[in-house]
C-alpha atoms as a PDB file:
ATOM      1  CA  MET A   1      -0.150  -0.116  -0.016  1.00  0.00           C
ATOM      2  CA  THR A   2       1.082   3.577  -0.594  1.00  0.00           C
ATOM      3  CA  PRO A   3       1.078   6.357   1.698  1.00  0.00           C
ATOM      4  CA  GLN A   4      -1.502   8.075  -0.573  1.00  0.00           C
ATOM      5  CA  SER A   5      -4.036   4.986  -0.154  1.00  0.00           C
ATOM      6  CA  ASP A   6      -3.555   4.855   3.440  1.00  0.00           C
ATOM      7  CA  GLU A   7      -4.299   8.674   3.821  1.00  0.00           C
ATOM      8  CA  ASP A   8      -7.548   8.098   1.865  1.00  0.00           C
ATOM      9  CA  GLU A   9      -8.359   5.300   3.850  1.00  0.00           C
ATOM     10  CA  VAL A  10      -8.022   7.278   6.952  1.00  0.00           C
ATOM     11  CA  TRP A  11     -10.336  10.399   5.435  1.00  0.00           C
ATOM     12  CA  ARG A  12     -12.919   7.966   4.357  1.00  0.00           C
ATOM     13  CA  GLN A  13     -13.106   6.429   8.235  1.00  0.00           C
ATOM     14  CA  ILE A  14     -13.248  10.046   9.266  1.00  0.00           C
ATOM     15  CA  VAL A  15     -16.017  11.142   6.845  1.00  0.00           C
ATOM     16  CA  ALA A  16     -17.993   7.958   7.586  1.00  0.00           C
ATOM     17  CA  SER A  17     -17.951   8.189  11.450  1.00  0.00           C
ATOM     18  CA  PHE A  18     -18.721  12.124  11.273  1.00  0.00           C
ATOM     19  CA  ASN A  19     -22.421  11.846  12.462  1.00  0.00           C
ATOM     20  CA  ASP A  20     -21.541   8.881  14.928  1.00  0.00           C
ATOM     21  CA  PRO A  21     -21.955   9.834  18.504  1.00  0.00           C
ATOM     22  CA  ALA A  22     -18.857  10.305  20.368  1.00  0.00           C
ATOM     23  CA  GLU A  23     -18.022   7.629  22.936  1.00  0.00           C
ATOM     24  CA  HIS A  24     -18.238   8.923  26.515  1.00  0.00           C
ATOM     25  CA  ASP A  25     -15.449   7.664  28.802  1.00  0.00           C
ATOM     26  CA  SER A  26     -15.353   9.697  31.912  1.00  0.00           C
ATOM     27  CA  ALA A  27     -11.610   8.575  32.533  1.00  0.00           C
ATOM     28  CA  HIS A  28     -10.554  10.871  29.477  1.00  0.00           C
ATOM     29  CA  GLN A  29     -12.558  13.852  30.199  1.00  0.00           C
ATOM     30  CA  PRO A  30     -10.650  17.008  31.327  1.00  0.00           C
ATOM     31  CA  TRP A  31     -13.679  17.972  33.571  1.00  0.00           C
ATOM     32  CA  PRO A  32     -15.564  16.285  36.472  1.00  0.00           C
ATOM     33  CA  ASP A  33     -18.785  13.941  35.651  1.00  0.00           C
ATOM     34  CA  SER A  34     -20.860  16.482  37.555  1.00  0.00           C
ATOM     35  CA  GLU A  35     -20.248  19.124  34.686  1.00  0.00           C
ATOM     36  CA  ASN A  36     -21.676  16.637  32.157  1.00  0.00           C
ATOM     37  CA  LEU A  37     -25.013  17.757  30.686  1.00  0.00           C
ATOM     38  CA  PRO A  38     -27.756  15.264  30.688  1.00  0.00           C
ATOM     39  CA  ALA A  39     -28.896  14.097  27.334  1.00  0.00           C
ATOM     40  CA  GLU A  40     -32.458  15.562  27.764  1.00  0.00           C
ATOM     41  CA  PRO A  41     -32.866  18.668  30.169  1.00  0.00           C
ATOM     42  CA  PRO A  42     -35.278  17.927  32.863  1.00  0.00           C
ATOM     43  CA  ARG A  43     -38.677  19.376  32.685  1.00  0.00           C
ATOM     44  CA  ARG A  44     -39.986  21.636  35.468  1.00  0.00           C
ATOM     45  CA  VAL A  45     -43.471  22.249  36.243  1.00  0.00           C
ATOM     46  CA  ILE A  46     -44.065  25.442  38.007  1.00  0.00           C
ATOM     47  CA  LYS A  47     -47.430  25.841  39.927  1.00  0.00           C
ATOM     48  CA  GLN A  48     -48.806  29.107  40.615  1.00  0.00           C
ATOM     49  CA  SER A  49     -49.919  29.898  44.005  1.00  0.00           C
ATOM     50  CA  ASP A  50     -53.589  31.321  44.547  1.00  0.00           C
ATOM     51  CA  GLU A  51     -51.952  34.574  46.141  1.00  0.00           C
ATOM     52  CA  GLU A  52     -50.156  34.891  42.649  1.00  0.00           C
ATOM     53  CA  ASP A  53     -53.335  34.498  40.635  1.00  0.00           C
ATOM     54  CA  LEU A  54     -55.088  37.195  43.026  1.00  0.00           C
ATOM     55  CA  LEU A  55     -52.114  39.488  42.344  1.00  0.00           C
ATOM     56  CA  ARG A  56     -52.491  39.247  38.770  1.00  0.00           C
ATOM     57  CA  GLU A  57     -56.155  40.157  38.878  1.00  0.00           C
ATOM     58  CA  ASP A  58     -55.389  43.208  40.822  1.00  0.00           C
ATOM     59  CA  ASP A  59     -52.719  44.332  38.555  1.00  0.00           C
ATOM     60  CA  LEU A  60     -55.057  44.011  35.481  1.00  0.00           C
ATOM     61  CA  ALA A  61     -57.675  46.143  37.376  1.00  0.00           C
ATOM     62  CA  ASP A  62     -55.153  48.753  38.236  1.00  0.00           C
ATOM     63  CA  ASP A  63     -53.626  48.760  34.705  1.00  0.00           C
ATOM     64  CA  ASP A  64     -56.845  50.050  33.389  1.00  0.00           C
ATOM     65  CA  SER A  65     -56.980  52.985  35.582  1.00  0.00           C
ATOM     66  CA  GLU A  66     -53.284  54.071  35.032  1.00  0.00           C
ATOM     67  CA  THR A  67     -52.717  56.588  32.135  1.00  0.00           C
ATOM     68  CA  ASP A  68     -49.661  56.393  29.820  1.00  0.00           C
ATOM     69  CA  THR A  69     -47.737  59.133  31.527  1.00  0.00           C
ATOM     70  CA  GLU A  70     -48.152  57.344  34.753  1.00  0.00           C
ATOM     71  CA  ARG A  71     -46.610  54.226  33.198  1.00  0.00           C
ATOM     72  CA  SER A  72     -43.726  56.210  31.514  1.00  0.00           C
ATOM     73  CA  ASP A  73     -42.859  57.831  34.926  1.00  0.00           C
ATOM     74  CA  GLY A  74     -42.543  54.181  36.552  1.00  0.00           C
ATOM     75  CA  GLU A  75     -40.420  53.033  33.587  1.00  0.00           C
ATOM     76  CA  GLU A  76     -38.209  55.828  33.962  1.00  0.00           C
ATOM     77  CA  GLU A  77     -37.386  55.507  37.538  1.00  0.00           C
ATOM     78  CA  GLU A  78     -35.947  52.074  36.865  1.00  0.00           C
ATOM     79  CA  HIS A  79     -33.403  53.428  34.378  1.00  0.00           C
ATOM     80  CA  TYR A  80     -29.620  53.891  35.413  1.00  0.00           C
ATOM     81  CA  VAL A  81     -28.708  57.540  35.435  1.00  0.00           C
ATOM     82  CA  PRO A  82     -25.045  58.125  34.942  1.00  0.00           C
ATOM     83  CA  PRO A  83     -23.210  60.780  37.076  1.00  0.00           C
ATOM     84  CA  PRO A  84     -22.339  63.975  35.258  1.00  0.00           C
ATOM     85  CA  PRO A  85     -18.962  63.726  33.244  1.00  0.00           C
ATOM     86  CA  PRO A  86     -16.006  65.468  34.980  1.00  0.00           C
ATOM     87  CA  PRO A  87     -15.135  68.833  33.469  1.00  0.00           C
ATOM     88  CA  LEU A  88     -12.863  69.461  30.370  1.00  0.00           C
ATOM     89  CA  PRO A  89      -9.197  70.150  31.159  1.00  0.00           C
ATOM     90  CA  LYS A  90      -8.396  73.981  30.802  1.00  0.00           C
ATOM     91  CA  THR A  91      -6.225  74.694  27.724  1.00  0.00           C
ATOM     92  CA  ASP A  92      -3.813  77.687  27.284  1.00  0.00           C
ATOM     93  CA  ALA A  93      -4.476  80.398  24.767  1.00  0.00           C
ATOM     94  CA  ALA A  94      -1.908  79.000  22.300  1.00  0.00           C
ATOM     95  CA  THR A  95      -3.586  75.771  21.928  1.00  0.00           C
ATOM     96  CA  LYS A  96      -7.124  77.143  21.561  1.00  0.00           C
ATOM     97  CA  ILE A  97      -5.601  79.321  18.592  1.00  0.00           C
ATOM     98  CA  ALA A  98      -3.723  76.365  17.196  1.00  0.00           C
ATOM     99  CA  TRP A  99      -7.171  74.515  16.784  1.00  0.00           C
ATOM    100  CA  LEU A 100      -8.829  77.517  15.621  1.00  0.00           C
ATOM    101  CA  ALA A 101      -6.575  77.750  12.858  1.00  0.00           C
ATOM    102  CA  LEU A 102      -6.424  74.166  12.273  1.00  0.00           C
ATOM    103  CA  PHE A 103     -10.176  74.001  11.540  1.00  0.00           C
ATOM    104  CA  GLY A 104     -10.820  77.388  10.828  1.00  0.00           C
ATOM    105  CA  GLY A 105      -8.710  77.806   7.681  1.00  0.00           C
ATOM    106  CA  PRO A 106     -10.219  74.961   5.745  1.00  0.00           C
ATOM    107  CA  ALA A 107     -13.676  76.059   7.083  1.00  0.00           C
ATOM    108  CA  TYR A 108     -13.244  79.461   5.530  1.00  0.00           C
ATOM    109  CA  LEU A 109     -12.171  77.817   2.053  1.00  0.00           C
ATOM    110  CA  LEU A 110     -15.057  75.453   2.185  1.00  0.00           C
ATOM    111  CA  LEU A 111     -17.492  78.534   3.080  1.00  0.00           C
ATOM    112  CA  SER A 112     -16.155  80.516   0.411  1.00  0.00           C
ATOM    113  CA  ALA A 113     -16.157  77.917  -2.217  1.00  0.00           C
ATOM    114  CA  ALA A 114     -19.769  76.975  -1.303  1.00  0.00           C
ATOM    115  CA  LEU A 115     -20.879  80.741  -1.461  1.00  0.00           C
ATOM    116  CA  SER A 116     -18.825  81.392  -4.673  1.00  0.00           C
ATOM    117  CA  TRP A 117     -16.892  84.087  -2.927  1.00  0.00           C
ATOM    118  CA  ASN A 118     -14.093  85.605  -5.184  1.00  0.00           C
ATOM    119  CA  LEU A 119     -10.809  85.167  -2.788  1.00  0.00           C
ATOM    120  CA  GLN A 120      -7.773  87.206  -3.501  1.00  0.00           C
ATOM    121  CA  GLY A 121      -4.388  85.767  -3.397  1.00  0.00           C
ATOM    122  CA  TRP A 122      -3.562  86.839   0.096  1.00  0.00           C
ATOM    123  CA  MET A 123      -6.827  85.652   1.660  1.00  0.00           C
ATOM    124  CA  LEU A 124      -6.293  81.896   0.243  1.00  0.00           C
ATOM    125  CA  PHE A 125      -2.516  82.068   1.392  1.00  0.00           C
ATOM    126  CA  THR A 126      -3.592  83.131   4.965  1.00  0.00           C
ATOM    127  CA  ALA A 127      -6.293  80.263   5.071  1.00  0.00           C
ATOM    128  CA  VAL A 128      -3.811  77.839   3.919  1.00  0.00           C
ATOM    129  CA  ALA A 129      -0.986  79.219   6.170  1.00  0.00           C
ATOM    130  CA  ALA A 130      -3.337  79.056   9.354  1.00  0.00           C
ATOM    131  CA  PHE A 131      -4.291  75.402   8.678  1.00  0.00           C
ATOM    132  CA  ILE A 132      -0.593  74.376   8.165  1.00  0.00           C
ATOM    133  CA  GLY A 133       0.521  76.634  11.170  1.00  0.00           C
ATOM    134  CA  GLY A 134      -2.205  75.249  13.316  1.00  0.00           C
ATOM    135  CA  PHE A 135      -1.118  71.672  12.808  1.00  0.00           C
ATOM    136  CA  VAL A 136       2.487  72.309  13.220  1.00  0.00           C
ATOM    137  CA  ALA A 137       1.938  74.263  16.411  1.00  0.00           C
ATOM    138  CA  LEU A 138      -0.329  71.232  17.867  1.00  0.00           C
ATOM    139  CA  VAL A 139       2.273  68.841  16.659  1.00  0.00           C
ATOM    140  CA  VAL A 140       5.217  70.770  18.473  1.00  0.00           C
ATOM    141  CA  ARG A 141       3.336  71.208  21.614  1.00  0.00           C
ATOM    142  CA  MET A 142       2.448  67.671  21.902  1.00  0.00           C
ATOM    143  CA  GLY A 143       5.831  66.741  23.127  1.00  0.00           C
ATOM    144  CA  ASP A 144       7.760  63.311  22.883  1.00  0.00           C
ATOM    145  CA  GLY A 145       8.306  62.423  26.557  1.00  0.00           C
ATOM    146  CA  PRO A 146       6.001  61.277  29.531  1.00  0.00           C
ATOM    147  CA  PRO A 147       3.946  63.843  31.146  1.00  0.00           C
ATOM    148  CA  ASN A 148       5.430  65.657  34.126  1.00  0.00           C
ATOM    149  CA  ASP A 149       2.982  64.140  36.731  1.00  0.00           C
ATOM    150  CA  SER A 150       3.778  60.312  35.725  1.00  0.00           C
ATOM    151  CA  GLY A 151       6.259  59.785  38.468  1.00  0.00           C
ATOM    152  CA  TRP A 152       9.554  57.919  38.305  1.00  0.00           C
ATOM    153  CA  ASP A 153       7.864  54.905  36.538  1.00  0.00           C
ATOM    154  CA  ASP A 154       7.551  55.028  32.959  1.00  0.00           C
ATOM    155  CA  GLY A 155       5.998  51.476  32.501  1.00  0.00           C
ATOM    156  CA  ALA A 156       7.295  49.190  30.029  1.00  0.00           C
ATOM    157  CA  VAL A 157       9.897  51.286  27.793  1.00  0.00           C
ATOM    158  CA  ILE A 158      11.858  49.389  25.503  1.00  0.00           C
END
Protein backbone atom coordinates (compact mmCIF):
# COMPACT_ATOMS: atom_id res chain seq x y z
CA MET A 1 0.00 0.00 0.00
CA THR A 2 1.18 3.48 -0.78
CA PRO A 3 1.12 6.31 1.75
CA GLN A 4 -1.51 8.07 -0.38
CA SER A 5 -3.94 5.15 -0.19
CA ASP A 6 -3.44 4.92 3.61
CA GLU A 7 -4.30 8.58 3.90
CA ASP A 8 -7.36 8.14 1.69
CA GLU A 9 -8.56 5.26 3.86
CA VAL A 10 -8.16 7.39 7.01
CA TRP A 11 -10.19 10.19 5.44
CA ARG A 12 -12.93 7.74 4.43
CA GLN A 13 -13.12 6.52 8.03
CA ILE A 14 -13.33 10.09 9.34
CA VAL A 15 -16.11 10.99 6.91
CA ALA A 16 -18.01 7.76 7.63
CA SER A 17 -17.90 8.35 11.38
CA PHE A 18 -18.73 12.07 11.21
CA ASN A 19 -22.35 11.73 12.39
CA ASP A 20 -21.70 8.90 14.86
CA PRO A 21 -22.11 9.82 18.54
CA ALA A 22 -18.90 10.33 20.43
CA GLU A 23 -17.86 7.77 22.99
CA HIS A 24 -18.23 9.13 26.50
CA ASP A 25 -15.49 7.75 28.67
CA SER A 26 -15.29 9.64 31.95
CA ALA A 27 -11.64 8.67 32.41
CA HIS A 28 -10.55 10.71 29.40
CA GLN A 29 -12.59 13.83 30.14
CA PRO A 30 -10.68 16.88 31.37
CA TRP A 31 -13.66 17.91 33.55
CA PRO A 32 -15.56 16.22 36.41
CA ASP A 33 -18.64 14.09 35.71
CA SER A 34 -20.83 16.53 37.63
CA GLU A 35 -20.36 19.08 34.82
CA ASN A 36 -21.65 16.75 32.08
CA LEU A 37 -25.03 17.75 30.67
CA PRO A 38 -27.80 15.16 30.64
CA ALA A 39 -28.96 13.89 27.26
CA GLU A 40 -32.38 15.47 27.78
CA PRO A 41 -32.85 18.47 30.05
CA PRO A 42 -35.23 17.86 32.97
CA ARG A 43 -38.65 19.43 32.70
CA ARG A 44 -39.81 21.67 35.48
CA VAL A 45 -43.44 22.25 36.27
CA ILE A 46 -44.14 25.47 38.12
CA LYS A 47 -47.46 25.76 39.86
CA GLN A 48 -48.87 29.17 40.65
CA SER A 49 -50.17 29.83 44.08
CA ASP A 50 -53.58 31.34 44.76
CA GLU A 51 -51.92 34.54 46.00
CA GLU A 52 -50.17 35.09 42.67
CA ASP A 53 -53.47 34.64 40.81
CA LEU A 54 -55.11 37.24 43.03
CA LEU A 55 -52.19 39.64 42.57
CA ARG A 56 -52.42 39.29 38.80
CA GLU A 57 -56.14 40.05 38.84
CA ASP A 58 -55.47 43.15 40.95
CA ASP A 59 -52.72 44.28 38.58
CA LEU A 60 -55.01 43.93 35.58
CA ALA A 61 -57.66 46.03 37.31
CA ASP A 62 -55.09 48.71 38.21
CA ASP A 63 -53.60 48.79 34.68
CA ASP A 64 -56.88 49.95 33.21
CA SER A 65 -56.99 52.99 35.47
CA GLU A 66 -53.40 54.15 34.82
CA THR A 67 -52.64 56.59 32.08
CA ASP A 68 -49.69 56.39 29.70
CA THR A 69 -47.84 59.17 31.52
CA GLU A 70 -48.02 57.30 34.82
CA ARG A 71 -46.61 54.19 33.18
CA SER A 72 -43.76 56.08 31.55
CA ASP A 73 -42.87 57.73 34.89
CA GLY A 74 -42.60 54.34 36.53
CA GLU A 75 -40.43 53.00 33.73
CA GLU A 76 -38.09 55.98 33.87
CA GLU A 77 -37.44 55.45 37.58
CA GLU A 78 -35.86 52.06 36.89
CA HIS A 79 -33.30 53.36 34.38
CA TYR A 80 -29.70 54.00 35.33
CA VAL A 81 -28.74 57.66 35.37
CA PRO A 82 -24.98 58.08 35.06
CA PRO A 83 -23.21 60.73 37.10
CA PRO A 84 -22.29 63.96 35.32
CA PRO A 85 -18.98 63.78 33.44
CA PRO A 86 -15.93 65.50 34.87
CA PRO A 87 -15.15 68.96 33.48
CA LEU A 88 -12.87 69.27 30.48
CA PRO A 89 -9.26 70.17 31.22
CA LYS A 90 -8.27 73.81 30.87
CA THR A 91 -6.18 74.71 27.83
CA ASP A 92 -3.97 77.69 27.31
CA ALA A 93 -4.56 80.38 24.69
CA ALA A 94 -1.88 79.10 22.28
CA THR A 95 -3.54 75.69 22.04
CA LYS A 96 -6.95 77.25 21.48
CA ILE A 97 -5.58 79.45 18.70
CA ALA A 98 -3.86 76.44 17.09
CA TRP A 99 -7.11 74.47 17.06
CA LEU A 100 -8.98 77.47 15.68
CA ALA A 101 -6.42 77.85 12.90
CA LEU A 102 -6.44 74.11 12.14
CA PHE A 103 -10.20 74.03 11.59
CA GLY A 104 -10.84 77.67 10.73
CA GLY A 105 -8.62 77.82 7.63
CA PRO A 106 -10.29 74.91 5.78
CA ALA A 107 -13.72 75.99 7.03
CA TYR A 108 -13.19 79.45 5.53
CA LEU A 109 -12.10 77.89 2.21
CA LEU A 110 -15.12 75.57 2.12
CA LEU A 111 -17.49 78.40 2.99
CA SER A 112 -16.04 80.64 0.31
CA ALA A 113 -16.28 77.85 -2.27
CA ALA A 114 -19.88 77.04 -1.31
CA LEU A 115 -20.93 80.70 -1.51
CA SER A 116 -18.87 81.37 -4.69
CA TRP A 117 -16.86 84.16 -3.11
CA ASN A 118 -14.02 85.54 -5.17
CA LEU A 119 -10.90 85.11 -3.00
CA GLN A 120 -7.88 87.29 -3.39
CA GLY A 121 -4.45 85.70 -3.28
CA TRP A 122 -3.58 86.85 0.22
CA MET A 123 -6.87 85.47 1.64
CA LEU A 124 -6.20 82.06 0.13
CA PHE A 125 -2.61 82.12 1.39
CA THR A 126 -3.75 83.11 4.90
CA ALA A 127 -6.29 80.27 5.10
CA VAL A 128 -3.77 77.65 3.95
CA ALA A 129 -1.03 79.07 6.20
CA ALA A 130 -3.43 79.05 9.18
CA PHE A 131 -4.18 75.36 8.59
CA ILE A 132 -0.51 74.40 8.27
CA GLY A 133 0.54 76.62 11.16
CA GLY A 134 -2.16 75.23 13.46
CA PHE A 135 -1.16 71.68 12.63
CA VAL A 136 2.53 72.35 13.21
CA ALA A 137 1.83 74.19 16.47
CA LEU A 138 -0.22 71.28 17.83
CA VAL A 139 2.39 68.70 16.84
CA VAL A 140 5.25 70.72 18.35
CA ARG A 141 3.33 71.32 21.60
CA MET A 142 2.42 67.63 21.84
CA GLY A 143 5.86 66.69 23.15
CA ASP A 144 7.61 63.35 22.91
CA GLY A 145 8.22 62.51 26.56
CA PRO A 146 6.05 61.28 29.38
CA PRO A 147 3.90 63.77 31.27
CA ASN A 148 5.54 65.57 34.18
CA ASP A 149 3.13 64.09 36.70
CA SER A 150 3.69 60.45 35.69
CA GLY A 151 6.25 59.79 38.45
CA TRP A 152 9.49 57.87 38.25
CA ASP A 153 8.01 54.73 36.64
CA ASP A 154 7.44 55.06 32.89
CA GLY A 155 5.98 51.57 32.51
CA ALA A 156 7.34 49.12 29.96
CA VAL A 157 9.85 51.19 28.01
CA ILE A 158 11.91 49.22 25.54
